[in-house]
Amino acid sequence: MPAPAAKPFISPSRELGSLFIGAMLPRMIVGCVTLIVINTLLYGFVTWLPTFFVHQGFSIAKSFGFAFIMSLGAPLGSAFGALTADLLGRKPTFIGASLLAIVFGSIYPFVSSEVLLPIVGLLLVIPI
């Protein structure tokens, strides 16, 4: 006799209050803390960048322009992540985004070209 198929996880209630009871509460807390930390770090990184660029010899206007271009990566990355999570699943999306962030994060400190700096920065922020 074949084993019964695994049932997908379905919340016992579709009401918002179900997030605050039972097994969902710890999951919701971990998710909230994770999102707060990620958003704080990303915001701090992009906000701090103009200071770094000025110390590298770029003008203030150019520094803010670079930071602006890089900040566009956040909504692009969110949209791309949502689409790929639906198509490929969450785990492959997280793994792929993490690998891309490692690659572009490793390249970014060594870029000095005024053309490549915002492009690589944008490509770094998208997977983050």
N, C-alpha and C. Protein backbone atom coordinates (compact mmCIF):
# COMPACT_ATOMS: atom_id res chain seq x y z
N MET A 1 0.84 -1.17 0.00
CA MET A 1 0.00 0.00 0.00
C MET A 1 0.89 1.24 0.00
N PRO A 2 0.67 2.18 -0.94
CA PRO A 2 1.53 3.37 -1.01
C PRO A 2 1.28 4.31 0.17
N ALA A 3 2.33 5.01 0.53
CA ALA A 3 2.22 5.97 1.63
C ALA A 3 1.34 7.13 1.20
N PRO A 4 0.59 7.69 2.14
CA PRO A 4 -0.26 8.84 1.79
C PRO A 4 0.59 10.04 1.40
N ALA A 5 0.09 10.83 0.47
CA ALA A 5 0.82 12.01 0.01
C ALA A 5 0.88 13.03 1.14
N ALA A 6 2.00 13.75 1.21
CA ALA A 6 2.16 14.79 2.23
C ALA A 6 1.20 15.93 1.94
N LYS A 7 0.57 16.40 2.99
CA LYS A 7 -0.37 17.50 2.83
C LYS A 7 0.40 18.82 2.87
N PRO A 8 0.07 19.77 2.01
CA PRO A 8 0.74 21.07 2.07
C PRO A 8 0.34 21.80 3.35
N PHE A 9 1.24 22.64 3.83
CA PHE A 9 0.94 23.42 5.03
C PHE A 9 -0.13 24.44 4.71
N ILE A 10 -1.22 24.36 5.42
CA ILE A 10 -2.30 25.33 5.26
C ILE A 10 -2.60 25.88 6.63
N SER A 11 -2.63 27.17 6.73
CA SER A 11 -2.93 27.81 8.00
C SER A 11 -4.32 27.38 8.48
N PRO A 12 -4.48 27.11 9.78
CA PRO A 12 -5.78 26.69 10.28
C PRO A 12 -6.85 27.77 10.08
N SER A 13 -6.44 28.99 9.95
CA SER A 13 -7.39 30.07 9.75
C SER A 13 -6.80 31.06 8.77
N ARG A 14 -7.62 31.60 7.95
CA ARG A 14 -7.15 32.58 6.98
C ARG A 14 -7.22 34.00 7.54
N GLU A 15 -7.51 34.10 8.81
CA GLU A 15 -7.60 35.40 9.44
C GLU A 15 -6.22 35.89 9.86
N LEU A 16 -6.04 37.21 9.93
CA LEU A 16 -4.78 37.81 10.32
C LEU A 16 -4.37 37.38 11.72
N GLY A 17 -5.33 37.19 12.59
CA GLY A 17 -5.04 36.79 13.96
C GLY A 17 -4.34 35.46 14.08
N SER A 18 -4.44 34.62 13.06
CA SER A 18 -3.78 33.31 13.13
C SER A 18 -2.26 33.43 13.13
N LEU A 19 -1.72 34.58 12.73
CA LEU A 19 -0.28 34.78 12.78
C LEU A 19 0.25 34.90 14.20
N PHE A 20 -0.63 35.22 15.14
CA PHE A 20 -0.21 35.51 16.50
C PHE A 20 -0.48 34.37 17.48
N ILE A 21 -0.80 33.20 16.96
CA ILE A 21 -1.07 32.06 17.83
C ILE A 21 -0.37 30.81 17.29
N GLY A 22 -0.15 29.88 18.20
CA GLY A 22 0.37 28.57 17.81
C GLY A 22 1.74 28.62 17.16
N ALA A 23 1.92 27.74 16.19
CA ALA A 23 3.21 27.58 15.52
C ALA A 23 3.57 28.77 14.63
N MET A 24 2.58 29.57 14.27
CA MET A 24 2.86 30.69 13.37
C MET A 24 3.55 31.85 14.09
N LEU A 25 3.34 32.03 15.38
CA LEU A 25 3.91 33.16 16.10
C LEU A 25 5.44 33.19 16.04
N PRO A 26 6.15 32.10 16.37
CA PRO A 26 7.61 32.15 16.27
C PRO A 26 8.10 32.39 14.84
N ARG A 27 7.40 31.83 13.87
CA ARG A 27 7.78 32.04 12.47
C ARG A 27 7.61 33.50 12.08
N MET A 28 6.52 34.11 12.54
CA MET A 28 6.28 35.51 12.22
C MET A 28 7.33 36.40 12.88
N ILE A 29 7.69 36.10 14.11
CA ILE A 29 8.70 36.89 14.81
C ILE A 29 10.05 36.80 14.10
N VAL A 30 10.45 35.59 13.72
CA VAL A 30 11.72 35.41 13.00
C VAL A 30 11.69 36.16 11.67
N GLY A 31 10.57 36.07 10.94
CA GLY A 31 10.45 36.77 9.67
C GLY A 31 10.53 38.28 9.84
N CYS A 32 9.85 38.80 10.86
CA CYS A 32 9.87 40.25 11.10
C CYS A 32 11.27 40.74 11.47
N VAL A 33 11.93 40.03 12.38
CA VAL A 33 13.28 40.42 12.79
C VAL A 33 14.24 40.35 11.60
N THR A 34 14.13 39.30 10.81
CA THR A 34 15.00 39.16 9.63
C THR A 34 14.80 40.32 8.66
N LEU A 35 13.56 40.66 8.36
CA LEU A 35 13.29 41.77 7.44
C LEU A 35 13.76 43.10 7.99
N ILE A 36 13.58 43.33 9.28
CA ILE A 36 14.05 44.58 9.90
C ILE A 36 15.56 44.69 9.78
N VAL A 37 16.27 43.61 10.09
CA VAL A 37 17.74 43.63 10.01
C VAL A 37 18.21 43.85 8.58
N ILE A 38 17.65 43.12 7.63
CA ILE A 38 18.06 43.25 6.23
C ILE A 38 17.79 44.66 5.72
N ASN A 39 16.60 45.18 5.98
CA ASN A 39 16.27 46.52 5.49
C ASN A 39 17.12 47.59 6.15
N THR A 40 17.42 47.44 7.43
CA THR A 40 18.28 48.41 8.12
C THR A 40 19.70 48.38 7.54
N LEU A 41 20.23 47.20 7.33
CA LEU A 41 21.58 47.09 6.77
C LEU A 41 21.65 47.63 5.34
N LEU A 42 20.66 47.29 4.54
CA LEU A 42 20.65 47.77 3.16
C LEU A 42 20.50 49.28 3.11
N TYR A 43 19.60 49.83 3.91
CA TYR A 43 19.40 51.28 3.95
C TYR A 43 20.68 51.96 4.44
N GLY A 44 21.29 51.42 5.49
CA GLY A 44 22.54 52.00 6.00
C GLY A 44 23.65 51.95 4.98
N PHE A 45 23.75 50.85 4.25
CA PHE A 45 24.79 50.72 3.23
C PHE A 45 24.62 51.77 2.14
N VAL A 46 23.41 51.88 1.59
CA VAL A 46 23.17 52.82 0.49
C VAL A 46 23.27 54.26 0.98
N THR A 47 22.83 54.53 2.21
CA THR A 47 22.91 55.89 2.76
C THR A 47 24.35 56.30 3.03
N TRP A 48 25.19 55.39 3.44
CA TRP A 48 26.58 55.67 3.77
C TRP A 48 27.46 55.81 2.52
N LEU A 49 27.03 55.26 1.41
CA LEU A 49 27.86 55.24 0.21
C LEU A 49 28.34 56.62 -0.28
N PRO A 50 27.50 57.67 -0.30
CA PRO A 50 28.02 58.95 -0.77
C PRO A 50 29.25 59.44 0.01
N THR A 51 29.28 59.17 1.31
CA THR A 51 30.44 59.54 2.12
C THR A 51 31.68 58.79 1.65
N PHE A 52 31.52 57.52 1.39
CA PHE A 52 32.63 56.70 0.88
C PHE A 52 33.11 57.22 -0.47
N PHE A 53 32.17 57.53 -1.36
CA PHE A 53 32.53 58.01 -2.70
C PHE A 53 33.26 59.35 -2.63
N VAL A 54 32.84 60.25 -1.75
CA VAL A 54 33.50 61.55 -1.60
C VAL A 54 34.94 61.33 -1.12
N HIS A 55 35.13 60.41 -0.20
CA HIS A 55 36.49 60.11 0.28
C HIS A 55 37.35 59.46 -0.80
N GLN A 56 36.71 58.87 -1.79
CA GLN A 56 37.44 58.28 -2.92
C GLN A 56 37.78 59.32 -3.99
N GLY A 57 37.30 60.57 -3.80
CA GLY A 57 37.64 61.64 -4.72
C GLY A 57 36.53 62.05 -5.68
N PHE A 58 35.36 61.45 -5.58
CA PHE A 58 34.24 61.84 -6.44
C PHE A 58 33.55 63.07 -5.85
N SER A 59 32.91 63.84 -6.71
CA SER A 59 32.18 65.02 -6.23
C SER A 59 30.94 64.57 -5.45
N ILE A 60 30.38 65.49 -4.68
CA ILE A 60 29.19 65.17 -3.90
C ILE A 60 28.03 64.82 -4.84
N ALA A 61 27.89 65.60 -5.90
CA ALA A 61 26.79 65.34 -6.85
C ALA A 61 26.93 63.96 -7.49
N LYS A 62 28.14 63.62 -7.89
CA LYS A 62 28.37 62.30 -8.50
C LYS A 62 28.15 61.19 -7.48
N SER A 63 28.55 61.44 -6.25
CA SER A 63 28.37 60.44 -5.19
C SER A 63 26.90 60.15 -4.94
N PHE A 64 26.08 61.21 -4.87
CA PHE A 64 24.66 60.99 -4.67
C PHE A 64 24.01 60.35 -5.91
N GLY A 65 24.52 60.67 -7.08
CA GLY A 65 24.03 60.02 -8.30
C GLY A 65 24.29 58.53 -8.29
N PHE A 66 25.52 58.15 -7.87
CA PHE A 66 25.85 56.73 -7.76
C PHE A 66 24.92 56.04 -6.76
N ALA A 67 24.73 56.67 -5.60
CA ALA A 67 23.87 56.08 -4.57
C ALA A 67 22.43 55.97 -5.05
N PHE A 68 21.97 56.97 -5.81
CA PHE A 68 20.60 56.92 -6.33
C PHE A 68 20.43 55.74 -7.29
N ILE A 69 21.38 55.57 -8.18
CA ILE A 69 21.31 54.45 -9.14
C ILE A 69 21.30 53.12 -8.39
N MET A 70 22.15 53.02 -7.37
CA MET A 70 22.20 51.78 -6.61
C MET A 70 20.91 51.54 -5.83
N SER A 71 20.30 52.61 -5.32
CA SER A 71 19.07 52.44 -4.55
C SER A 71 17.91 51.94 -5.41
N LEU A 72 18.00 52.15 -6.72
CA LEU A 72 16.97 51.63 -7.62
C LEU A 72 16.97 50.10 -7.65
N GLY A 73 18.06 49.52 -7.21
CA GLY A 73 18.16 48.06 -7.19
C GLY A 73 17.24 47.40 -6.18
N ALA A 74 16.86 48.12 -5.11
CA ALA A 74 16.01 47.52 -4.08
C ALA A 74 14.62 47.15 -4.63
N PRO A 75 13.88 48.08 -5.26
CA PRO A 75 12.58 47.66 -5.79
C PRO A 75 12.71 46.68 -6.96
N LEU A 76 13.76 46.84 -7.77
CA LEU A 76 13.98 45.88 -8.86
C LEU A 76 14.24 44.48 -8.30
N GLY A 77 15.07 44.42 -7.27
CA GLY A 77 15.38 43.13 -6.66
C GLY A 77 14.16 42.49 -6.01
N SER A 78 13.33 43.31 -5.39
CA SER A 78 12.11 42.78 -4.78
C SER A 78 11.17 42.19 -5.83
N ALA A 79 11.01 42.91 -6.92
CA ALA A 79 10.14 42.42 -7.99
C ALA A 79 10.71 41.15 -8.62
N PHE A 80 11.99 41.18 -8.91
CA PHE A 80 12.64 40.02 -9.51
C PHE A 80 12.59 38.82 -8.56
N GLY A 81 12.81 39.06 -7.28
CA GLY A 81 12.76 37.99 -6.29
C GLY A 81 11.37 37.38 -6.18
N ALA A 82 10.35 38.23 -6.21
CA ALA A 82 8.98 37.72 -6.14
C ALA A 82 8.67 36.85 -7.36
N LEU A 83 9.08 37.30 -8.53
CA LEU A 83 8.81 36.53 -9.75
C LEU A 83 9.57 35.20 -9.76
N THR A 84 10.85 35.25 -9.40
CA THR A 84 11.63 34.01 -9.44
C THR A 84 11.21 33.05 -8.33
N ALA A 85 10.77 33.59 -7.18
CA ALA A 85 10.30 32.70 -6.11
C ALA A 85 9.04 31.97 -6.55
N ASP A 86 8.19 32.65 -7.31
CA ASP A 86 6.99 31.98 -7.82
C ASP A 86 7.33 30.95 -8.89
N LEU A 87 8.30 31.27 -9.73
CA LEU A 87 8.64 30.36 -10.82
C LEU A 87 9.54 29.20 -10.38
N LEU A 88 10.56 29.52 -9.57
CA LEU A 88 11.56 28.51 -9.21
C LEU A 88 11.41 27.97 -7.80
N GLY A 89 10.73 28.70 -6.95
CA GLY A 89 10.63 28.33 -5.54
C GLY A 89 11.51 29.23 -4.69
N ARG A 90 11.23 29.26 -3.40
CA ARG A 90 11.96 30.16 -2.51
C ARG A 90 13.41 29.74 -2.32
N LYS A 91 13.65 28.46 -2.09
CA LYS A 91 15.01 28.01 -1.80
C LYS A 91 15.97 28.29 -2.96
N PRO A 92 15.64 27.92 -4.21
CA PRO A 92 16.56 28.25 -5.31
C PRO A 92 16.74 29.76 -5.50
N THR A 93 15.68 30.52 -5.24
CA THR A 93 15.78 31.98 -5.36
C THR A 93 16.73 32.54 -4.32
N PHE A 94 16.61 32.09 -3.07
CA PHE A 94 17.51 32.55 -2.01
C PHE A 94 18.95 32.17 -2.30
N ILE A 95 19.15 30.95 -2.74
CA ILE A 95 20.51 30.48 -3.03
C ILE A 95 21.10 31.27 -4.20
N GLY A 96 20.32 31.44 -5.28
CA GLY A 96 20.82 32.21 -6.43
C GLY A 96 21.11 33.66 -6.07
N ALA A 97 20.21 34.29 -5.32
CA ALA A 97 20.43 35.68 -4.92
C ALA A 97 21.65 35.80 -4.02
N SER A 98 21.83 34.85 -3.12
CA SER A 98 23.00 34.88 -2.23
C SER A 98 24.30 34.74 -3.02
N LEU A 99 24.31 33.82 -3.98
CA LEU A 99 25.51 33.64 -4.80
C LEU A 99 25.82 34.90 -5.63
N LEU A 100 24.78 35.52 -6.19
CA LEU A 100 24.99 36.75 -6.94
C LEU A 100 25.50 37.88 -6.04
N ALA A 101 24.95 37.97 -4.83
CA ALA A 101 25.42 39.00 -3.89
C ALA A 101 26.88 38.77 -3.51
N ILE A 102 27.27 37.52 -3.35
CA ILE A 102 28.68 37.20 -3.06
C ILE A 102 29.57 37.61 -4.21
N VAL A 103 29.16 37.28 -5.43
CA VAL A 103 29.97 37.60 -6.62
C VAL A 103 30.12 39.12 -6.77
N PHE A 104 28.99 39.84 -6.76
CA PHE A 104 29.07 41.29 -6.97
C PHE A 104 29.67 42.00 -5.75
N GLY A 105 29.45 41.46 -4.56
CA GLY A 105 30.07 42.02 -3.36
C GLY A 105 31.58 41.85 -3.38
N SER A 106 32.06 40.78 -3.99
CA SER A 106 33.50 40.56 -4.10
C SER A 106 34.13 41.46 -5.16
N ILE A 107 33.39 41.77 -6.18
CA ILE A 107 33.89 42.62 -7.27
C ILE A 107 33.84 44.10 -6.89
N TYR A 108 32.78 44.50 -6.20
CA TYR A 108 32.50 45.92 -5.97
C TYR A 108 33.66 46.72 -5.36
N PRO A 109 34.37 46.24 -4.35
CA PRO A 109 35.43 47.05 -3.76
C PRO A 109 36.59 47.37 -4.71
N PHE A 110 36.72 46.58 -5.77
CA PHE A 110 37.84 46.76 -6.69
C PHE A 110 37.49 47.57 -7.93
N VAL A 111 36.25 48.01 -8.05
CA VAL A 111 35.83 48.80 -9.21
C VAL A 111 36.14 50.26 -8.96
N SER A 112 36.81 50.89 -9.92
CA SER A 112 37.13 52.31 -9.76
C SER A 112 36.61 53.15 -10.93
N SER A 113 36.12 52.52 -11.97
CA SER A 113 35.60 53.23 -13.13
C SER A 113 34.30 53.93 -12.78
N GLU A 114 34.17 55.18 -13.23
CA GLU A 114 32.96 55.95 -12.97
C GLU A 114 31.75 55.36 -13.69
N VAL A 115 31.97 54.60 -14.73
CA VAL A 115 30.87 53.97 -15.45
C VAL A 115 30.48 52.66 -14.78
N LEU A 116 31.46 51.86 -14.40
CA LEU A 116 31.18 50.54 -13.84
C LEU A 116 30.74 50.59 -12.38
N LEU A 117 31.17 51.60 -11.64
CA LEU A 117 30.86 51.67 -10.21
C LEU A 117 29.35 51.64 -9.93
N PRO A 118 28.55 52.52 -10.53
CA PRO A 118 27.11 52.43 -10.24
C PRO A 118 26.45 51.18 -10.83
N ILE A 119 26.98 50.68 -11.94
CA ILE A 119 26.39 49.48 -12.55
C ILE A 119 26.62 48.26 -11.66
N VAL A 120 27.86 48.08 -11.22
CA VAL A 120 28.15 46.95 -10.33
C VAL A 120 27.43 47.13 -9.00
N GLY A 121 27.34 48.37 -8.53
CA GLY A 121 26.60 48.64 -7.29
C GLY A 121 25.13 48.29 -7.42
N LEU A 122 24.54 48.64 -8.55
CA LEU A 122 23.14 48.29 -8.82
C LEU A 122 22.98 46.77 -8.85
N LEU A 123 23.90 46.10 -9.53
CA LEU A 123 23.85 44.64 -9.61
C LEU A 123 24.08 43.98 -8.24
N LEU A 124 24.76 44.68 -7.35
CA LEU A 124 24.95 44.18 -5.99
C LEU A 124 23.70 44.33 -5.15
N VAL A 125 23.03 45.46 -5.28
CA VAL A 125 21.84 45.74 -4.46
C VAL A 125 20.64 44.89 -4.91
N ILE A 126 20.54 44.59 -6.18
CA ILE A 126 19.40 43.81 -6.67
C ILE A 126 19.28 42.46 -5.94
N PRO A 127 20.32 41.64 -5.87
CA PRO A 127 20.13 40.36 -5.16
C PRO A 127 20.04 40.50 -3.64
N ILE A 128 20.60 41.57 -3.10
CA ILE A 128 20.51 41.76 -1.65
C ILE A 128 19.06 42.00 -1.28
